[in-house]
Amino acid sequence: MIKREPYRMLKAWLVENDISQSELADVLGTTPNYLNKKINGTGPDFRLSEVRKINTSLGIPINIFFNLKVPIKER
């Protein structure tokens, strides 16, 4: 099973902007169940093409999808 950090900022943005996961799934042409797995870190990660589509269609900031924290040892 795939397990990674969930997209908490994406979840928060959807709630703040009154957009359901079903609406986002429609934009991506997938099921709400599959999208929920991606968002919660139990499914595959988002592809860059999906991030672009989400940004273009809904205006969700792209930085929500990227971890901008660089480990101290790599600075």
N, C-alpha and C. Protein backbone atom coordinates (compact mmCIF):
# COMPACT_ATOMS: atom_id res chain seq x y z
N MET A 1 0.84 -1.18 0.00
CA MET A 1 0.00 0.00 0.00
C MET A 1 0.89 1.25 0.00
N ILE A 2 0.51 2.22 -0.80
CA ILE A 2 1.21 3.49 -0.87
C ILE A 2 0.83 4.31 0.36
N LYS A 3 1.81 4.93 1.00
CA LYS A 3 1.51 5.81 2.13
C LYS A 3 2.48 6.97 2.10
N ARG A 4 1.96 8.17 1.99
CA ARG A 4 2.76 9.38 2.00
C ARG A 4 1.98 10.46 2.75
N GLU A 5 2.60 11.61 2.90
CA GLU A 5 1.97 12.72 3.61
C GLU A 5 0.71 13.18 2.86
N PRO A 6 -0.41 13.31 3.57
CA PRO A 6 -1.63 13.79 2.91
C PRO A 6 -1.53 15.27 2.53
N TYR A 7 -2.40 15.67 1.64
CA TYR A 7 -2.45 17.07 1.18
C TYR A 7 -3.37 17.88 2.09
N ARG A 8 -2.88 18.21 3.26
CA ARG A 8 -3.70 18.97 4.22
C ARG A 8 -4.04 20.37 3.71
N MET A 9 -3.07 21.01 3.05
CA MET A 9 -3.33 22.36 2.53
C MET A 9 -4.37 22.33 1.41
N LEU A 10 -4.35 21.28 0.60
CA LEU A 10 -5.36 21.14 -0.45
C LEU A 10 -6.74 20.95 0.16
N LYS A 11 -6.83 20.10 1.17
CA LYS A 11 -8.11 19.89 1.85
C LYS A 11 -8.64 21.21 2.42
N ALA A 12 -7.77 21.96 3.08
CA ALA A 12 -8.17 23.24 3.67
C ALA A 12 -8.63 24.21 2.60
N TRP A 13 -7.91 24.27 1.48
CA TRP A 13 -8.26 25.19 0.39
C TRP A 13 -9.63 24.83 -0.17
N LEU A 14 -9.90 23.55 -0.34
CA LEU A 14 -11.20 23.12 -0.85
C LEU A 14 -12.32 23.55 0.10
N VAL A 15 -12.14 23.37 1.39
CA VAL A 15 -13.14 23.76 2.37
C VAL A 15 -13.34 25.27 2.37
N GLU A 16 -12.24 26.02 2.39
CA GLU A 16 -12.32 27.48 2.42
C GLU A 16 -13.02 28.05 1.18
N ASN A 17 -12.92 27.35 0.07
CA ASN A 17 -13.49 27.84 -1.19
C ASN A 17 -14.75 27.09 -1.59
N ASP A 18 -15.29 26.32 -0.65
CA ASP A 18 -16.56 25.62 -0.84
C ASP A 18 -16.57 24.75 -2.10
N ILE A 19 -15.50 24.00 -2.29
CA ILE A 19 -15.38 23.08 -3.43
C ILE A 19 -15.31 21.66 -2.86
N SER A 20 -16.18 20.80 -3.33
CA SER A 20 -16.21 19.43 -2.83
C SER A 20 -15.19 18.57 -3.56
N GLN A 21 -14.84 17.47 -2.93
CA GLN A 21 -13.95 16.51 -3.59
C GLN A 21 -14.62 15.93 -4.83
N SER A 22 -15.94 15.83 -4.83
CA SER A 22 -16.67 15.35 -6.01
C SER A 22 -16.49 16.30 -7.18
N GLU A 23 -16.56 17.61 -6.89
CA GLU A 23 -16.34 18.60 -7.95
C GLU A 23 -14.92 18.50 -8.51
N LEU A 24 -13.95 18.35 -7.62
CA LEU A 24 -12.57 18.23 -8.05
C LEU A 24 -12.37 16.94 -8.85
N ALA A 25 -13.01 15.86 -8.44
CA ALA A 25 -12.93 14.60 -9.18
C ALA A 25 -13.50 14.77 -10.59
N ASP A 26 -14.58 15.52 -10.71
CA ASP A 26 -15.17 15.78 -12.04
C ASP A 26 -14.19 16.52 -12.93
N VAL A 27 -13.48 17.51 -12.37
CA VAL A 27 -12.49 18.27 -13.14
C VAL A 27 -11.41 17.34 -13.67
N LEU A 28 -11.01 16.37 -12.86
CA LEU A 28 -9.94 15.45 -13.24
C LEU A 28 -10.44 14.24 -14.03
N GLY A 29 -11.76 14.08 -14.11
CA GLY A 29 -12.31 12.93 -14.82
C GLY A 29 -12.07 11.61 -14.10
N THR A 30 -12.15 11.65 -12.77
CA THR A 30 -11.94 10.45 -11.97
C THR A 30 -13.07 10.32 -10.95
N THR A 31 -13.01 9.30 -10.13
CA THR A 31 -14.06 9.11 -9.13
C THR A 31 -13.68 9.82 -7.83
N PRO A 32 -14.68 10.22 -7.06
CA PRO A 32 -14.39 10.84 -5.76
C PRO A 32 -13.58 9.92 -4.84
N ASN A 33 -13.83 8.62 -4.89
CA ASN A 33 -13.11 7.66 -4.05
C ASN A 33 -11.62 7.64 -4.40
N TYR A 34 -11.32 7.60 -5.69
CA TYR A 34 -9.92 7.58 -6.13
C TYR A 34 -9.22 8.89 -5.77
N LEU A 35 -9.91 10.01 -5.96
CA LEU A 35 -9.34 11.31 -5.61
C LEU A 35 -9.08 11.39 -4.11
N ASN A 36 -10.01 10.89 -3.30
CA ASN A 36 -9.84 10.91 -1.85
C ASN A 36 -8.59 10.15 -1.43
N LYS A 37 -8.30 9.05 -2.09
CA LYS A 37 -7.09 8.28 -1.78
C LYS A 37 -5.84 9.09 -2.11
N LYS A 38 -5.87 9.82 -3.22
CA LYS A 38 -4.73 10.67 -3.58
C LYS A 38 -4.53 11.76 -2.53
N ILE A 39 -5.62 12.41 -2.16
CA ILE A 39 -5.54 13.51 -1.20
C ILE A 39 -5.07 13.03 0.17
N ASN A 40 -5.51 11.86 0.59
CA ASN A 40 -5.19 11.37 1.94
C ASN A 40 -3.89 10.58 2.03
N GLY A 41 -3.18 10.45 0.91
CA GLY A 41 -1.87 9.82 0.95
C GLY A 41 -1.88 8.31 0.89
N THR A 42 -3.02 7.71 0.59
CA THR A 42 -3.09 6.25 0.50
C THR A 42 -3.16 5.76 -0.94
N GLY A 43 -3.20 6.68 -1.89
CA GLY A 43 -3.22 6.34 -3.30
C GLY A 43 -2.01 6.96 -3.98
N PRO A 44 -1.98 6.90 -5.30
CA PRO A 44 -0.85 7.50 -6.01
C PRO A 44 -0.83 9.01 -5.85
N ASP A 45 0.32 9.59 -6.10
CA ASP A 45 0.46 11.03 -6.01
C ASP A 45 -0.16 11.68 -7.25
N PHE A 46 -0.40 12.98 -7.18
CA PHE A 46 -0.92 13.71 -8.33
C PHE A 46 0.14 13.81 -9.41
N ARG A 47 -0.27 13.67 -10.66
CA ARG A 47 0.64 13.89 -11.78
C ARG A 47 0.68 15.39 -12.06
N LEU A 48 1.77 15.84 -12.67
CA LEU A 48 1.91 17.25 -12.98
C LEU A 48 0.78 17.73 -13.88
N SER A 49 0.35 16.91 -14.82
CA SER A 49 -0.76 17.29 -15.70
C SER A 49 -2.04 17.51 -14.90
N GLU A 50 -2.24 16.73 -13.84
CA GLU A 50 -3.43 16.92 -12.99
C GLU A 50 -3.32 18.22 -12.20
N VAL A 51 -2.13 18.50 -11.70
CA VAL A 51 -1.92 19.74 -10.94
C VAL A 51 -2.21 20.95 -11.84
N ARG A 52 -1.73 20.90 -13.06
CA ARG A 52 -1.98 21.99 -14.01
C ARG A 52 -3.48 22.15 -14.28
N LYS A 53 -4.17 21.03 -14.48
CA LYS A 53 -5.60 21.08 -14.76
C LYS A 53 -6.36 21.66 -13.57
N ILE A 54 -5.99 21.26 -12.36
CA ILE A 54 -6.64 21.77 -11.15
C ILE A 54 -6.39 23.27 -11.02
N ASN A 55 -5.17 23.69 -11.26
CA ASN A 55 -4.82 25.11 -11.18
C ASN A 55 -5.59 25.92 -12.21
N THR A 56 -5.63 25.44 -13.43
CA THR A 56 -6.30 26.16 -14.52
C THR A 56 -7.82 26.20 -14.32
N SER A 57 -8.40 25.09 -13.91
CA SER A 57 -9.85 24.99 -13.79
C SER A 57 -10.41 25.65 -12.54
N LEU A 58 -9.71 25.50 -11.42
CA LEU A 58 -10.25 25.96 -10.14
C LEU A 58 -9.43 27.07 -9.48
N GLY A 59 -8.26 27.35 -10.02
CA GLY A 59 -7.42 28.40 -9.45
C GLY A 59 -6.70 28.01 -8.18
N ILE A 60 -6.61 26.72 -7.92
CA ILE A 60 -5.90 26.25 -6.73
C ILE A 60 -4.41 26.52 -6.93
N PRO A 61 -3.77 27.21 -5.97
CA PRO A 61 -2.33 27.51 -6.11
C PRO A 61 -1.49 26.24 -6.24
N ILE A 62 -0.57 26.25 -7.17
CA ILE A 62 0.27 25.09 -7.43
C ILE A 62 1.16 24.75 -6.24
N ASN A 63 1.57 25.74 -5.46
CA ASN A 63 2.48 25.47 -4.34
C ASN A 63 1.86 24.55 -3.29
N ILE A 64 0.56 24.39 -3.29
CA ILE A 64 -0.11 23.48 -2.35
C ILE A 64 0.36 22.04 -2.57
N PHE A 65 0.79 21.73 -3.77
CA PHE A 65 1.15 20.36 -4.12
C PHE A 65 2.62 20.02 -3.87
N PHE A 66 3.41 21.01 -3.46
CA PHE A 66 4.84 20.78 -3.30
C PHE A 66 5.29 21.08 -1.88
N ASN A 67 6.15 20.23 -1.36
CA ASN A 67 6.74 20.44 -0.03
C ASN A 67 7.92 21.38 -0.21
N LEU A 68 7.79 22.57 0.31
CA LEU A 68 8.83 23.58 0.13
C LEU A 68 9.88 23.57 1.23
N LYS A 69 9.74 22.67 2.18
CA LYS A 69 10.70 22.58 3.28
C LYS A 69 11.88 21.74 2.85
N VAL A 70 13.06 22.33 2.84
CA VAL A 70 14.28 21.62 2.48
C VAL A 70 14.96 21.18 3.77
N PRO A 71 15.33 19.91 3.88
CA PRO A 71 16.01 19.44 5.08
C PRO A 71 17.28 20.25 5.34
N ILE A 72 17.56 20.50 6.61
CA ILE A 72 18.72 21.31 6.98
C ILE A 72 20.00 20.77 6.36
N LYS A 73 20.19 19.47 6.34
CA LYS A 73 21.41 18.88 5.80
C LYS A 73 21.57 19.12 4.30
N GLU A 74 20.49 19.52 3.61
CA GLU A 74 20.57 19.75 2.16
C GLU A 74 20.60 21.23 1.80
N ARG A 75 20.61 22.10 2.78
CA ARG A 75 20.63 23.55 2.49
C ARG A 75 22.01 24.00 2.12
